[in-house]
Amino acid sequence: MSMADSRLRVDDHARDAAGLTYVYPVVSRRAGGVSVGINLNPNNACNWRCVYCQVPDLQRGGPPAIDLDRLETELGGLLEDVVHGDFMLKRVPEGARRLNDVAFSGNGEPTMSPEFAAAIARVGAVLARFDLIGKIKLVLITNGSQLYKPAVQDAVAAMATLGGEIWFKLDRAPQDGFSAVNQVQLKAASVRAHLAAAASLCPTWVQTCMFATDGILPDEANVSAYLDYLATLRTEGIPLQGVLLYGLARPSMQLEAPRLSAAPAEWMQALAARIEAMGLPVRLSL
């Protein structure tokens, strides 16, 4: 493979990009640079099945036992190459050669792992070794479903001391019932409680994916319900940092993939403007 072929791309977040089990580098649109991912779900299992998910062979379930020593070794080795080696020059396009964060993301819900808190501690130790605490972010990308658990709440509170930030999935206004987007049963009050817990413990952004299904964009009733839900969160004093609004830059690997298409840039920009008019900052990624 040539150097050009081995460059990371924003449209390819392959988890085996570095040939490791738990750690992978990506060029992230939303991060605006290099994000080092932590994958606690190498078995491609998640408790949700979002129709736009890019994970191949996704299955329902939780993660396997995590080899924490291996995770720590892999992260240390990759950061050595990124911080002190020639990784940026060889693998990252010019203009994106900035280490932005280490992110718990991967191929399923990270907080489902019983070792989630221990993994945060190990990652924190590695960040301290490279003098990166406070200089880069430690991000948790989550569907928020486990935020009712005291152990998970303690873990995200520990994240906050390491420069942590939560990206909390909220693709549509949660209704009491089945979510066609996330393929799970949701209750609006539960989502609100989980989001309140997250935001009280660690800086939290709402993360929203918008797209067309069968060529049809979310209608005004759906958009208004989403905006009203955000307004309710603010009225209740939940301290959101803002909204990460993004579209389909990479194809879904789920059965619904042929039915999904990207929303036009103008539509996304108009939605971003409506969110900003509520007083919430928006980071838009098309």
Protein backbone atom coordinates (compact mmCIF):
# COMPACT_ATOMS: atom_id res chain seq x y z
CA MET A 1 0.00 0.00 0.00
CA SER A 2 1.34 3.41 -0.94
CA MET A 3 1.57 6.28 1.51
CA ALA A 4 -1.31 7.99 -0.28
CA ASP A 5 -3.45 4.87 -0.01
CA SER A 6 -2.76 4.57 3.71
CA ARG A 7 -3.94 8.11 4.49
CA LEU A 8 -6.89 8.36 6.85
CA ARG A 9 -10.09 9.78 5.36
CA VAL A 10 -13.15 11.42 6.91
CA ASP A 11 -15.39 8.99 5.01
CA ASP A 12 -13.64 5.88 6.36
CA HIS A 13 -13.59 5.20 10.10
CA ALA A 14 -12.38 1.59 9.86
CA ARG A 15 -11.69 0.25 13.34
CA ASP A 16 -8.71 -1.77 12.10
CA ALA A 17 -6.92 1.24 10.61
CA ALA A 18 -3.95 0.70 12.92
CA GLY A 19 -4.20 -3.09 13.13
CA LEU A 20 -5.11 -2.96 16.83
CA THR A 21 -7.93 -4.50 18.86
CA TYR A 22 -9.20 -1.61 20.96
CA VAL A 23 -7.60 1.54 19.55
CA TYR A 24 -8.00 3.15 16.13
CA PRO A 25 -7.20 6.56 14.62
CA VAL A 26 -9.62 8.54 12.43
CA VAL A 27 -9.83 11.95 10.84
CA SER A 28 -13.08 13.22 12.32
CA ARG A 29 -15.32 15.84 10.71
CA ARG A 30 -16.86 16.73 14.06
CA ALA A 31 -13.52 16.78 15.89
CA GLY A 32 -11.81 18.79 13.17
CA GLY A 33 -8.63 16.74 13.34
CA VAL A 34 -7.35 13.36 14.46
CA SER A 35 -9.45 11.45 16.96
CA VAL A 36 -8.03 8.34 18.60
CA GLY A 37 -10.94 5.97 19.13
CA ILE A 38 -11.36 3.47 21.94
CA ASN A 39 -13.48 0.50 20.86
CA LEU A 40 -14.85 -1.45 23.82
CA ASN A 41 -17.16 -3.39 21.47
CA PRO A 42 -14.84 -5.33 19.13
CA ASN A 43 -17.61 -7.95 18.80
CA ASN A 44 -19.79 -5.42 16.90
CA ALA A 45 -22.52 -5.66 19.55
CA CYS A 46 -24.73 -2.82 20.73
CA ASN A 47 -27.96 -2.47 22.70
CA TRP A 48 -29.31 -0.15 19.96
CA ARG A 49 -29.43 -0.62 16.18
CA CYS A 50 -29.52 2.81 14.60
CA VAL A 51 -30.52 2.58 10.95
CA TYR A 52 -27.63 4.84 9.86
CA CYS A 53 -24.96 2.89 11.80
CA GLN A 54 -21.75 2.25 9.83
CA VAL A 55 -20.76 -0.86 11.82
CA PRO A 56 -20.85 -4.01 9.66
CA ASP A 57 -22.46 -7.19 10.99
CA LEU A 58 -23.96 -5.25 13.90
CA GLN A 59 -25.65 -7.47 16.46
CA ARG A 60 -27.66 -6.89 19.60
CA GLY A 61 -25.83 -7.36 22.86
CA GLY A 62 -23.01 -6.09 25.02
CA PRO A 63 -19.23 -6.05 24.75
CA PRO A 64 -16.92 -8.92 25.66
CA ALA A 65 -14.48 -8.81 28.57
CA ILE A 66 -11.84 -6.17 27.92
CA ASP A 67 -8.12 -6.83 28.19
CA LEU A 68 -7.26 -3.58 29.97
CA ASP A 69 -3.51 -4.16 29.80
CA ARG A 70 -3.72 -4.55 26.04
CA LEU A 71 -5.91 -1.47 25.71
CA GLU A 72 -3.40 0.61 27.68
CA THR A 73 -0.47 -0.74 25.66
CA GLU A 74 -2.19 -0.10 22.34
CA LEU A 75 -3.15 3.46 23.28
CA GLY A 76 0.34 4.24 24.54
CA GLY A 77 1.93 2.88 21.39
CA LEU A 78 -0.36 4.81 19.06
CA LEU A 79 0.02 8.07 20.97
CA GLU A 80 3.79 7.64 20.92
CA ASP A 81 3.59 7.51 17.12
CA VAL A 82 1.11 10.40 16.93
CA VAL A 83 2.80 12.72 19.44
CA HIS A 84 6.47 11.89 18.94
CA GLY A 85 6.61 9.93 15.69
CA ASP A 86 5.78 10.53 12.02
CA PHE A 87 2.17 9.33 12.11
CA MET A 88 0.72 12.73 11.23
CA LEU A 89 3.03 13.20 8.26
CA LYS A 90 2.51 9.70 6.85
CA ARG A 91 -1.15 9.03 7.63
CA VAL A 92 -3.01 12.32 7.99
CA PRO A 93 -3.95 14.78 5.22
CA GLU A 94 -2.43 18.23 5.45
CA GLY A 95 -4.79 20.55 7.29
CA ALA A 96 -5.96 17.86 9.70
CA ARG A 97 -2.65 17.19 11.47
CA ARG A 98 -3.90 18.03 14.94
CA LEU A 99 -4.65 15.61 17.76
CA ASN A 100 -8.07 16.65 19.00
CA ASP A 101 -9.24 13.91 21.32
CA VAL A 102 -9.33 10.37 22.57
CA ALA A 103 -12.90 9.12 22.15
CA PHE A 104 -14.81 6.17 23.58
CA SER A 105 -16.84 5.29 20.52
CA GLY A 106 -16.23 2.11 18.54
CA ASN A 107 -18.67 -0.55 17.37
CA GLY A 108 -21.27 -0.41 20.12
CA GLU A 109 -22.34 1.40 23.28
CA PRO A 110 -19.19 1.92 25.42
CA THR A 111 -21.02 2.29 28.72
CA MET A 112 -22.38 -1.26 28.39
CA SER A 113 -18.92 -2.56 29.29
CA PRO A 114 -18.43 -3.57 32.95
CA GLU A 115 -14.85 -2.35 32.50
CA PHE A 116 -15.90 1.12 31.34
CA ALA A 117 -14.77 2.88 34.53
CA ALA A 118 -11.50 0.93 34.64
CA ALA A 119 -10.89 1.75 30.98
CA ILE A 120 -11.30 5.47 31.73
CA ALA A 121 -8.73 5.17 34.50
CA ARG A 122 -6.28 3.41 32.18
CA VAL A 123 -6.79 6.01 29.45
CA GLY A 124 -6.33 8.79 31.99
CA ALA A 125 -3.01 7.27 33.04
CA VAL A 126 -1.81 7.19 29.43
CA LEU A 127 -2.91 10.79 28.81
CA ALA A 128 -1.02 11.86 31.91
CA ARG A 129 2.09 10.04 30.68
CA PHE A 130 2.01 12.09 27.47
CA ASP A 131 1.11 15.32 29.32
CA LEU A 132 -2.16 15.55 27.36
CA ILE A 133 -4.66 16.07 30.17
CA GLY A 134 -6.28 19.44 29.64
CA LYS A 135 -4.66 19.75 26.21
CA ILE A 136 -6.93 17.37 24.34
CA LYS A 137 -10.45 16.17 25.05
CA LEU A 138 -11.54 12.79 26.36
CA VAL A 139 -14.86 12.18 24.61
CA LEU A 140 -17.63 9.68 25.32
CA ILE A 141 -19.97 9.09 22.37
CA THR A 142 -23.03 7.44 23.90
CA ASN A 143 -26.70 6.67 23.42
CA GLY A 144 -27.11 7.54 27.09
CA SER A 145 -29.08 4.40 27.89
CA GLN A 146 -26.87 3.42 30.85
CA LEU A 147 -26.64 6.84 32.51
CA TYR A 148 -29.09 5.76 35.21
CA LYS A 149 -26.43 3.44 36.68
CA PRO A 150 -24.38 4.87 39.57
CA ALA A 151 -21.20 3.17 38.29
CA VAL A 152 -21.58 4.83 34.89
CA GLN A 153 -22.32 8.18 36.53
CA ASP A 154 -19.18 7.86 38.63
CA ALA A 155 -17.19 7.03 35.50
CA VAL A 156 -18.35 10.08 33.57
CA ALA A 157 -17.66 12.26 36.62
CA ALA A 158 -14.11 10.91 36.52
CA MET A 159 -13.98 11.78 32.82
CA ALA A 160 -14.75 15.40 33.66
CA THR A 161 -11.51 15.63 35.66
CA LEU A 162 -9.61 14.45 32.56
CA GLY A 163 -10.96 17.09 30.20
CA GLY A 164 -14.01 14.95 29.43
CA GLU A 165 -16.92 15.72 27.14
CA ILE A 166 -20.05 13.68 26.42
CA TRP A 167 -21.72 13.45 23.02
CA PHE A 168 -25.24 12.22 23.81
CA LYS A 169 -27.25 10.73 20.94
CA LEU A 170 -30.62 12.42 20.41
CA ASP A 171 -31.63 11.89 16.81
CA ARG A 172 -35.32 12.75 17.13
CA ALA A 173 -37.59 13.93 19.93
CA PRO A 174 -38.09 10.78 22.03
CA GLN A 175 -41.70 9.62 22.08
CA ASP A 176 -43.04 7.03 24.48
CA GLY A 177 -42.72 4.05 22.19
CA PHE A 178 -40.60 2.59 19.42
CA SER A 179 -37.96 4.75 17.74
CA ALA A 180 -37.72 3.91 14.04
CA VAL A 181 -34.33 5.65 13.83
CA ASN A 182 -32.70 3.92 16.79
CA GLN A 183 -34.73 0.68 16.68
CA VAL A 184 -35.40 0.67 20.44
CA GLN A 185 -38.19 1.49 22.84
CA LEU A 186 -37.69 4.97 24.32
CA LYS A 187 -39.44 7.02 26.96
CA ALA A 188 -39.14 10.78 26.83
CA ALA A 189 -38.84 11.09 30.61
CA SER A 190 -36.07 8.48 30.78
CA VAL A 191 -34.05 10.14 28.04
CA ARG A 192 -34.45 13.48 29.81
CA ALA A 193 -33.30 11.96 33.11
CA HIS A 194 -30.27 10.32 31.50
CA LEU A 195 -29.34 13.53 29.71
CA ALA A 196 -29.74 15.54 32.93
CA ALA A 197 -27.46 13.10 34.75
CA ALA A 198 -24.82 13.32 32.03
CA ALA A 199 -24.88 17.11 31.82
CA SER A 200 -24.68 17.51 35.61
CA LEU A 201 -21.51 15.43 35.76
CA CYS A 202 -19.58 16.29 32.58
CA PRO A 203 -19.88 18.87 29.77
CA THR A 204 -22.48 17.40 27.42
CA TRP A 205 -23.41 18.02 23.79
CA VAL A 206 -26.51 16.61 22.10
CA GLN A 207 -25.54 14.66 18.99
CA THR A 208 -28.14 14.52 16.20
CA CYS A 209 -28.04 12.74 12.84
CA MET A 210 -30.52 13.97 10.23
CA PHE A 211 -31.16 12.29 6.87
CA ALA A 212 -33.87 11.47 4.35
CA THR A 213 -35.69 8.13 4.26
CA ASP A 214 -37.04 7.02 0.90
CA GLY A 215 -36.19 10.51 -0.30
CA ILE A 216 -38.36 12.15 2.36
CA LEU A 217 -36.83 14.47 4.95
CA PRO A 218 -38.18 14.71 8.52
CA ASP A 219 -41.38 16.74 8.25
CA GLU A 220 -42.15 19.93 10.14
CA ALA A 221 -44.02 18.04 12.86
CA ASN A 222 -40.92 15.93 13.57
CA VAL A 223 -38.56 18.89 13.42
CA SER A 224 -40.79 21.00 15.67
CA ALA A 225 -41.08 18.15 18.18
CA TYR A 226 -37.28 17.88 18.25
CA LEU A 227 -36.84 21.62 18.76
CA ASP A 228 -39.55 21.68 21.43
CA TYR A 229 -37.77 18.87 23.28
CA LEU A 230 -34.51 20.82 23.23
CA ALA A 231 -36.38 23.89 24.49
CA THR A 232 -37.87 21.85 27.34
CA LEU A 233 -34.42 20.64 28.35
CA ARG A 234 -33.21 24.22 28.53
CA THR A 235 -36.31 25.35 30.45
CA GLU A 236 -35.63 22.62 33.00
CA GLY A 237 -32.11 23.97 33.48
CA ILE A 238 -30.20 21.07 31.93
CA PRO A 239 -26.84 22.69 31.06
CA LEU A 240 -26.25 21.58 27.48
CA GLN A 241 -23.11 22.77 25.70
CA GLY A 242 -24.89 22.75 22.34
CA VAL A 243 -25.80 20.48 19.45
CA LEU A 244 -23.55 18.43 17.17
CA LEU A 245 -25.70 18.29 14.03
CA TYR A 246 -24.46 15.99 11.30
CA GLY A 247 -25.58 14.18 8.16
CA LEU A 248 -24.67 11.03 6.29
CA ALA A 249 -21.05 11.33 5.15
CA ARG A 250 -20.52 7.55 5.18
CA PRO A 251 -22.95 4.84 4.06
CA SER A 252 -24.98 2.87 6.56
CA MET A 253 -24.12 -0.81 6.89
CA GLN A 254 -27.63 -1.74 8.04
CA LEU A 255 -30.51 -3.24 6.05
CA GLU A 256 -32.10 0.19 5.70
CA ALA A 257 -29.06 1.61 3.87
CA PRO A 258 -30.66 1.73 0.38
CA ARG A 259 -33.50 3.80 1.80
CA LEU A 260 -31.30 6.47 3.39
CA SER A 261 -29.81 9.56 1.76
CA ALA A 262 -28.12 12.74 2.91
CA ALA A 263 -30.20 15.81 3.69
CA PRO A 264 -29.43 18.81 1.45
CA ALA A 265 -26.91 21.26 2.88
CA GLU A 266 -29.47 24.07 2.77
CA TRP A 267 -31.95 22.04 4.84
CA MET A 268 -29.29 21.21 7.43
CA GLN A 269 -28.14 24.83 7.60
CA ALA A 270 -31.71 26.01 8.11
CA LEU A 271 -32.17 23.53 10.97
CA ALA A 272 -28.89 24.65 12.51
CA ALA A 273 -30.10 28.25 12.38
CA ARG A 274 -33.32 27.33 14.17
CA ILE A 275 -31.35 25.60 16.93
CA GLU A 276 -28.99 28.54 17.28
CA ALA A 277 -31.99 30.88 17.53
CA MET A 278 -32.88 29.01 20.73
CA GLY A 279 -29.54 30.03 22.20
CA LEU A 280 -27.76 26.72 21.68
CA PRO A 281 -24.42 26.63 19.83
CA VAL A 282 -24.35 24.26 16.83
CA ARG A 283 -21.44 22.43 15.24
CA LEU A 284 -22.66 21.43 11.78
CA SER A 285 -21.01 18.58 9.87
CA LEU A 286 -22.45 17.83 6.44
